[in-house]
Amino acid sequence: MAIFLKVLLILAIIFVVLFVLSLIVYFFNLDMKLTSALQPLLMKVYDKRKRDRKV
């Protein structure tokens, strides 16, 4: 029974940490900041791609 409680406690701690991290990302809008930082690199890859221009 003690092992079950330890596992449950560890899972609860992991859940709380992930929840707090998601709130930090949401509050500071970090996902969009990362996206805007990566946009120039992604545009270089996208612009080099060969396209079939038939419409």
PDB file of N, CA and C in Angstrom:
ATOM      1  N   MET A   1       0.823  -1.195   0.000  1.00  0.00           N
ATOM      2  CA  MET A   1       0.000   0.000   0.000  1.00  0.00           C
ATOM      3  C   MET A   1       0.864   1.255   0.000  1.00  0.00           C
ATOM      4  N   ALA A   2       2.024   1.193   0.644  1.00  0.00           N
ATOM      5  CA  ALA A   2       2.896   2.365   0.712  1.00  0.00           C
ATOM      6  C   ALA A   2       3.458   2.692  -0.668  1.00  0.00           C
ATOM      7  N   ILE A   3       3.731   1.668  -1.466  1.00  0.00           N
ATOM      8  CA  ILE A   3       4.249   1.895  -2.821  1.00  0.00           C
ATOM      9  C   ILE A   3       3.182   2.590  -3.667  1.00  0.00           C
ATOM     10  N   PHE A   4       1.941   2.170  -3.510  1.00  0.00           N
ATOM     11  CA  PHE A   4       0.840   2.782  -4.244  1.00  0.00           C
ATOM     12  C   PHE A   4       0.703   4.257  -3.890  1.00  0.00           C
ATOM     13  N   LEU A   5       0.831   4.590  -2.624  1.00  0.00           N
ATOM     14  CA  LEU A   5       0.730   5.984  -2.206  1.00  0.00           C
ATOM     15  C   LEU A   5       1.897   6.813  -2.721  1.00  0.00           C
ATOM     16  N   LYS A   6       3.107   6.222  -2.744  1.00  0.00           N
ATOM     17  CA  LYS A   6       4.267   6.936  -3.282  1.00  0.00           C
ATOM     18  C   LYS A   6       4.093   7.217  -4.774  1.00  0.00           C
ATOM     19  N   VAL A   7       3.606   6.232  -5.499  1.00  0.00           N
ATOM     20  CA  VAL A   7       3.377   6.404  -6.933  1.00  0.00           C
ATOM     21  C   VAL A   7       2.305   7.462  -7.165  1.00  0.00           C
ATOM     22  N   LEU A   8       1.253   7.416  -6.370  1.00  0.00           N
ATOM     23  CA  LEU A   8       0.186   8.399  -6.483  1.00  0.00           C
ATOM     24  C   LEU A   8       0.699   9.802  -6.157  1.00  0.00           C
ATOM     25  N   LEU A   9       1.546   9.924  -5.161  1.00  0.00           N
ATOM     26  CA  LEU A   9       2.128  11.214  -4.805  1.00  0.00           C
ATOM     27  C   LEU A   9       3.027  11.735  -5.916  1.00  0.00           C
ATOM     28  N   ILE A  10       3.835  10.871  -6.495  1.00  0.00           N
ATOM     29  CA  ILE A  10       4.713  11.275  -7.589  1.00  0.00           C
ATOM     30  C   ILE A  10       3.888  11.733  -8.796  1.00  0.00           C
ATOM     31  N   LEU A  11       2.834  10.999  -9.120  1.00  0.00           N
ATOM     32  CA  LEU A  11       1.970  11.399 -10.231  1.00  0.00           C
ATOM     33  C   LEU A  11       1.287  12.733  -9.953  1.00  0.00           C
ATOM     34  N   ALA A  12       0.871  12.958  -8.721  1.00  0.00           N
ATOM     35  CA  ALA A  12       0.239  14.226  -8.364  1.00  0.00           C
ATOM     36  C   ALA A  12       1.229  15.379  -8.484  1.00  0.00           C
ATOM     37  N   ILE A  13       2.462  15.163  -8.047  1.00  0.00           N
ATOM     38  CA  ILE A  13       3.490  16.206  -8.156  1.00  0.00           C
ATOM     39  C   ILE A  13       3.776  16.517  -9.623  1.00  0.00           C
ATOM     40  N   ILE A  14       3.887  15.489 -10.448  1.00  0.00           N
ATOM     41  CA  ILE A  14       4.135  15.690 -11.883  1.00  0.00           C
ATOM     42  C   ILE A  14       2.982  16.469 -12.506  1.00  0.00           C
ATOM     43  N   PHE A  15       1.757  16.119 -12.152  1.00  0.00           N
ATOM     44  CA  PHE A  15       0.582  16.808 -12.680  1.00  0.00           C
ATOM     45  C   PHE A  15       0.591  18.281 -12.283  1.00  0.00           C
ATOM     46  N   VAL A  16       0.886  18.574 -11.035  1.00  0.00           N
ATOM     47  CA  VAL A  16       0.910  19.961 -10.564  1.00  0.00           C
ATOM     48  C   VAL A  16       2.014  20.755 -11.262  1.00  0.00           C
ATOM     49  N   VAL A  17       3.182  20.164 -11.424  1.00  0.00           N
ATOM     50  CA  VAL A  17       4.287  20.859 -12.092  1.00  0.00           C
ATOM     51  C   VAL A  17       3.928  21.153 -13.549  1.00  0.00           C
ATOM     52  N   LEU A  18       3.364  20.184 -14.250  1.00  0.00           N
ATOM     53  CA  LEU A  18       2.971  20.408 -15.638  1.00  0.00           C
ATOM     54  C   LEU A  18       1.871  21.463 -15.743  1.00  0.00           C
ATOM     55  N   PHE A  19       0.958  21.463 -14.795  1.00  0.00           N
ATOM     56  CA  PHE A  19      -0.115  22.465 -14.786  1.00  0.00           C
ATOM     57  C   PHE A  19       0.455  23.859 -14.571  1.00  0.00           C
ATOM     58  N   VAL A  20       1.378  24.005 -13.634  1.00  0.00           N
ATOM     59  CA  VAL A  20       1.994  25.310 -13.372  1.00  0.00           C
ATOM     60  C   VAL A  20       2.800  25.770 -14.586  1.00  0.00           C
ATOM     61  N   LEU A  21       3.524  24.864 -15.219  1.00  0.00           N
ATOM     62  CA  LEU A  21       4.273  25.220 -16.424  1.00  0.00           C
ATOM     63  C   LEU A  21       3.346  25.671 -17.549  1.00  0.00           C
ATOM     64  N   SER A  22       2.230  25.009 -17.703  1.00  0.00           N
ATOM     65  CA  SER A  22       1.290  25.420 -18.744  1.00  0.00           C
ATOM     66  C   SER A  22       0.692  26.790 -18.438  1.00  0.00           C
ATOM     67  N   LEU A  23       0.466  27.093 -17.168  1.00  0.00           N
ATOM     68  CA  LEU A  23      -0.031  28.428 -16.810  1.00  0.00           C
ATOM     69  C   LEU A  23       1.016  29.496 -17.092  1.00  0.00           C
ATOM     70  N   ILE A  24       2.284  29.193 -16.835  1.00  0.00           N
ATOM     71  CA  ILE A  24       3.357  30.152 -17.114  1.00  0.00           C
ATOM     72  C   ILE A  24       3.447  30.414 -18.616  1.00  0.00           C
ATOM     73  N   VAL A  25       3.379  29.354 -19.412  1.00  0.00           N
ATOM     74  CA  VAL A  25       3.419  29.517 -20.866  1.00  0.00           C
ATOM     75  C   VAL A  25       2.235  30.350 -21.332  1.00  0.00           C
ATOM     76  N   TYR A  26       1.050  30.097 -20.785  1.00  0.00           N
ATOM     77  CA  TYR A  26      -0.146  30.842 -21.172  1.00  0.00           C
ATOM     78  C   TYR A  26      -0.055  32.302 -20.734  1.00  0.00           C
ATOM     79  N   PHE A  27       0.386  32.555 -19.522  1.00  0.00           N
ATOM     80  CA  PHE A  27       0.410  33.911 -18.971  1.00  0.00           C
ATOM     81  C   PHE A  27       1.385  34.801 -19.734  1.00  0.00           C
ATOM     82  N   PHE A  28       2.561  34.281 -20.050  1.00  0.00           N
ATOM     83  CA  PHE A  28       3.571  35.082 -20.732  1.00  0.00           C
ATOM     84  C   PHE A  28       3.528  34.928 -22.256  1.00  0.00           C
ATOM     85  N   ASN A  29       2.560  34.186 -22.774  1.00  0.00           N
ATOM     86  CA  ASN A  29       2.373  34.002 -24.211  1.00  0.00           C
ATOM     87  C   ASN A  29       3.646  33.451 -24.854  1.00  0.00           C
ATOM     88  N   LEU A  30       4.288  32.512 -24.206  1.00  0.00           N
ATOM     89  CA  LEU A  30       5.576  32.001 -24.661  1.00  0.00           C
ATOM     90  C   LEU A  30       5.477  31.177 -25.939  1.00  0.00           C
ATOM     91  N   ASP A  31       4.337  30.569 -26.185  1.00  0.00           N
ATOM     92  CA  ASP A  31       4.209  29.775 -27.397  1.00  0.00           C
ATOM     93  C   ASP A  31       4.257  30.649 -28.639  1.00  0.00           C
ATOM     94  N   MET A  32       3.610  31.795 -28.616  1.00  0.00           N
ATOM     95  CA  MET A  32       3.635  32.682 -29.769  1.00  0.00           C
ATOM     96  C   MET A  32       4.975  33.402 -29.894  1.00  0.00           C
ATOM     97  N   LYS A  33       5.637  33.653 -28.781  1.00  0.00           N
ATOM     98  CA  LYS A  33       6.968  34.259 -28.842  1.00  0.00           C
ATOM     99  C   LYS A  33       7.955  33.290 -29.482  1.00  0.00           C
ATOM    100  N   LEU A  34       7.853  32.022 -29.147  1.00  0.00           N
ATOM    101  CA  LEU A  34       8.712  31.018 -29.768  1.00  0.00           C
ATOM    102  C   LEU A  34       8.397  30.897 -31.254  1.00  0.00           C
ATOM    103  N   THR A  35       7.131  30.923 -31.604  1.00  0.00           N
ATOM    104  CA  THR A  35       6.737  30.837 -33.001  1.00  0.00           C
ATOM    105  C   THR A  35       7.260  32.021 -33.802  1.00  0.00           C
ATOM    106  N   SER A  36       7.166  33.215 -33.238  1.00  0.00           N
ATOM    107  CA  SER A  36       7.658  34.389 -33.955  1.00  0.00           C
ATOM    108  C   SER A  36       9.181  34.377 -34.066  1.00  0.00           C
ATOM    109  N   ALA A  37       9.867  33.774 -33.115  1.00  0.00           N
ATOM    110  CA  ALA A  37      11.319  33.672 -33.204  1.00  0.00           C
ATOM    111  C   ALA A  37      11.731  32.650 -34.264  1.00  0.00           C
ATOM    112  N   LEU A  38      10.943  31.614 -34.450  1.00  0.00           N
ATOM    113  CA  LEU A  38      11.264  30.576 -35.431  1.00  0.00           C
ATOM    114  C   LEU A  38      10.763  30.896 -36.833  1.00  0.00           C
ATOM    115  N   GLN A  39       9.915  31.896 -36.971  1.00  0.00           N
ATOM    116  CA  GLN A  39       9.306  32.193 -38.258  1.00  0.00           C
ATOM    117  C   GLN A  39      10.327  32.480 -39.362  1.00  0.00           C
ATOM    118  N   PRO A  40      11.361  33.278 -39.132  1.00  0.00           N
ATOM    119  CA  PRO A  40      12.333  33.494 -40.222  1.00  0.00           C
ATOM    120  C   PRO A  40      13.013  32.204 -40.684  1.00  0.00           C
ATOM    121  N   LEU A  41      13.328  31.327 -39.770  1.00  0.00           N
ATOM    122  CA  LEU A  41      13.943  30.052 -40.149  1.00  0.00           C
ATOM    123  C   LEU A  41      12.967  29.187 -40.944  1.00  0.00           C
ATOM    124  N   LEU A  42      11.725  29.164 -40.524  1.00  0.00           N
ATOM    125  CA  LEU A  42      10.730  28.370 -41.232  1.00  0.00           C
ATOM    126  C   LEU A  42      10.433  28.942 -42.610  1.00  0.00           C
ATOM    127  N   MET A  43      10.462  30.268 -42.733  1.00  0.00           N
ATOM    128  CA  MET A  43      10.210  30.894 -44.027  1.00  0.00           C
ATOM    129  C   MET A  43      11.327  30.578 -45.014  1.00  0.00           C
ATOM    130  N   LYS A  44      12.576  30.483 -44.540  1.00  0.00           N
ATOM    131  CA  LYS A  44      13.676  30.108 -45.422  1.00  0.00           C
ATOM    132  C   LYS A  44      13.455  28.710 -45.993  1.00  0.00           C
ATOM    133  N   VAL A  45      13.037  27.791 -45.144  1.00  0.00           N
ATOM    134  CA  VAL A  45      12.779  26.427 -45.593  1.00  0.00           C
ATOM    135  C   VAL A  45      11.606  26.415 -46.568  1.00  0.00           C
ATOM    136  N   TYR A  46      10.562  27.156 -46.253  1.00  0.00           N
ATOM    137  CA  TYR A  46       9.371  27.189 -47.098  1.00  0.00           C
ATOM    138  C   TYR A  46       9.676  27.826 -48.458  1.00  0.00           C
ATOM    139  N   ASP A  47      10.479  28.877 -48.472  1.00  0.00           N
ATOM    140  CA  ASP A  47      10.786  29.561 -49.721  1.00  0.00           C
ATOM    141  C   ASP A  47      11.673  28.726 -50.640  1.00  0.00           C
ATOM    142  N   LYS A  48      12.496  27.849 -50.108  1.00  0.00           N
ATOM    143  CA  LYS A  48      13.371  27.004 -50.921  1.00  0.00           C
ATOM    144  C   LYS A  48      12.649  25.814 -51.537  1.00  0.00           C
ATOM    145  N   ARG A  49      11.451  25.538 -51.082  1.00  0.00           N
ATOM    146  CA  ARG A  49      10.695  24.378 -51.538  1.00  0.00           C
ATOM    147  C   ARG A  49      10.259  24.538 -53.000  1.00  0.00           C
ATOM    148  N   LYS A  50      10.418  23.486 -53.804  1.00  0.00           N
ATOM    149  CA  LYS A  50       9.963  23.527 -55.187  1.00  0.00           C
ATOM    150  C   LYS A  50       8.457  23.378 -55.216  1.00  0.00           C
ATOM    151  N   ARG A  51       7.848  24.134 -56.136  1.00  0.00           N
ATOM    152  CA  ARG A  51       6.389  24.122 -56.216  1.00  0.00           C
ATOM    153  C   ARG A  51       5.942  23.804 -57.637  1.00  0.00           C
ATOM    154  N   ASP A  52       4.809  23.202 -57.691  1.00  0.00           N
ATOM    155  CA  ASP A  52       4.140  23.006 -58.968  1.00  0.00           C
ATOM    156  C   ASP A  52       3.159  24.167 -59.110  1.00  0.00           C
ATOM    157  N   ARG A  53       3.409  25.048 -60.059  1.00  0.00           N
ATOM    158  CA  ARG A  53       2.644  26.281 -60.163  1.00  0.00           C
ATOM    159  C   ARG A  53       1.364  26.137 -60.988  1.00  0.00           C
ATOM    160  N   LYS A  54       1.020  24.937 -61.380  1.00  0.00           N
ATOM    161  CA  LYS A  54      -0.225  24.751 -62.129  1.00  0.00           C
ATOM    162  C   LYS A  54      -1.410  24.951 -61.198  1.00  0.00           C
ATOM    163  N   VAL A  55      -2.372  25.699 -61.696  1.00  0.00           N
ATOM    164  CA  VAL A  55      -3.567  25.949 -60.878  1.00  0.00           C
ATOM    165  C   VAL A  55      -4.769  25.331 -61.548  1.00  0.00           C
TER     166      VAL A  55
END
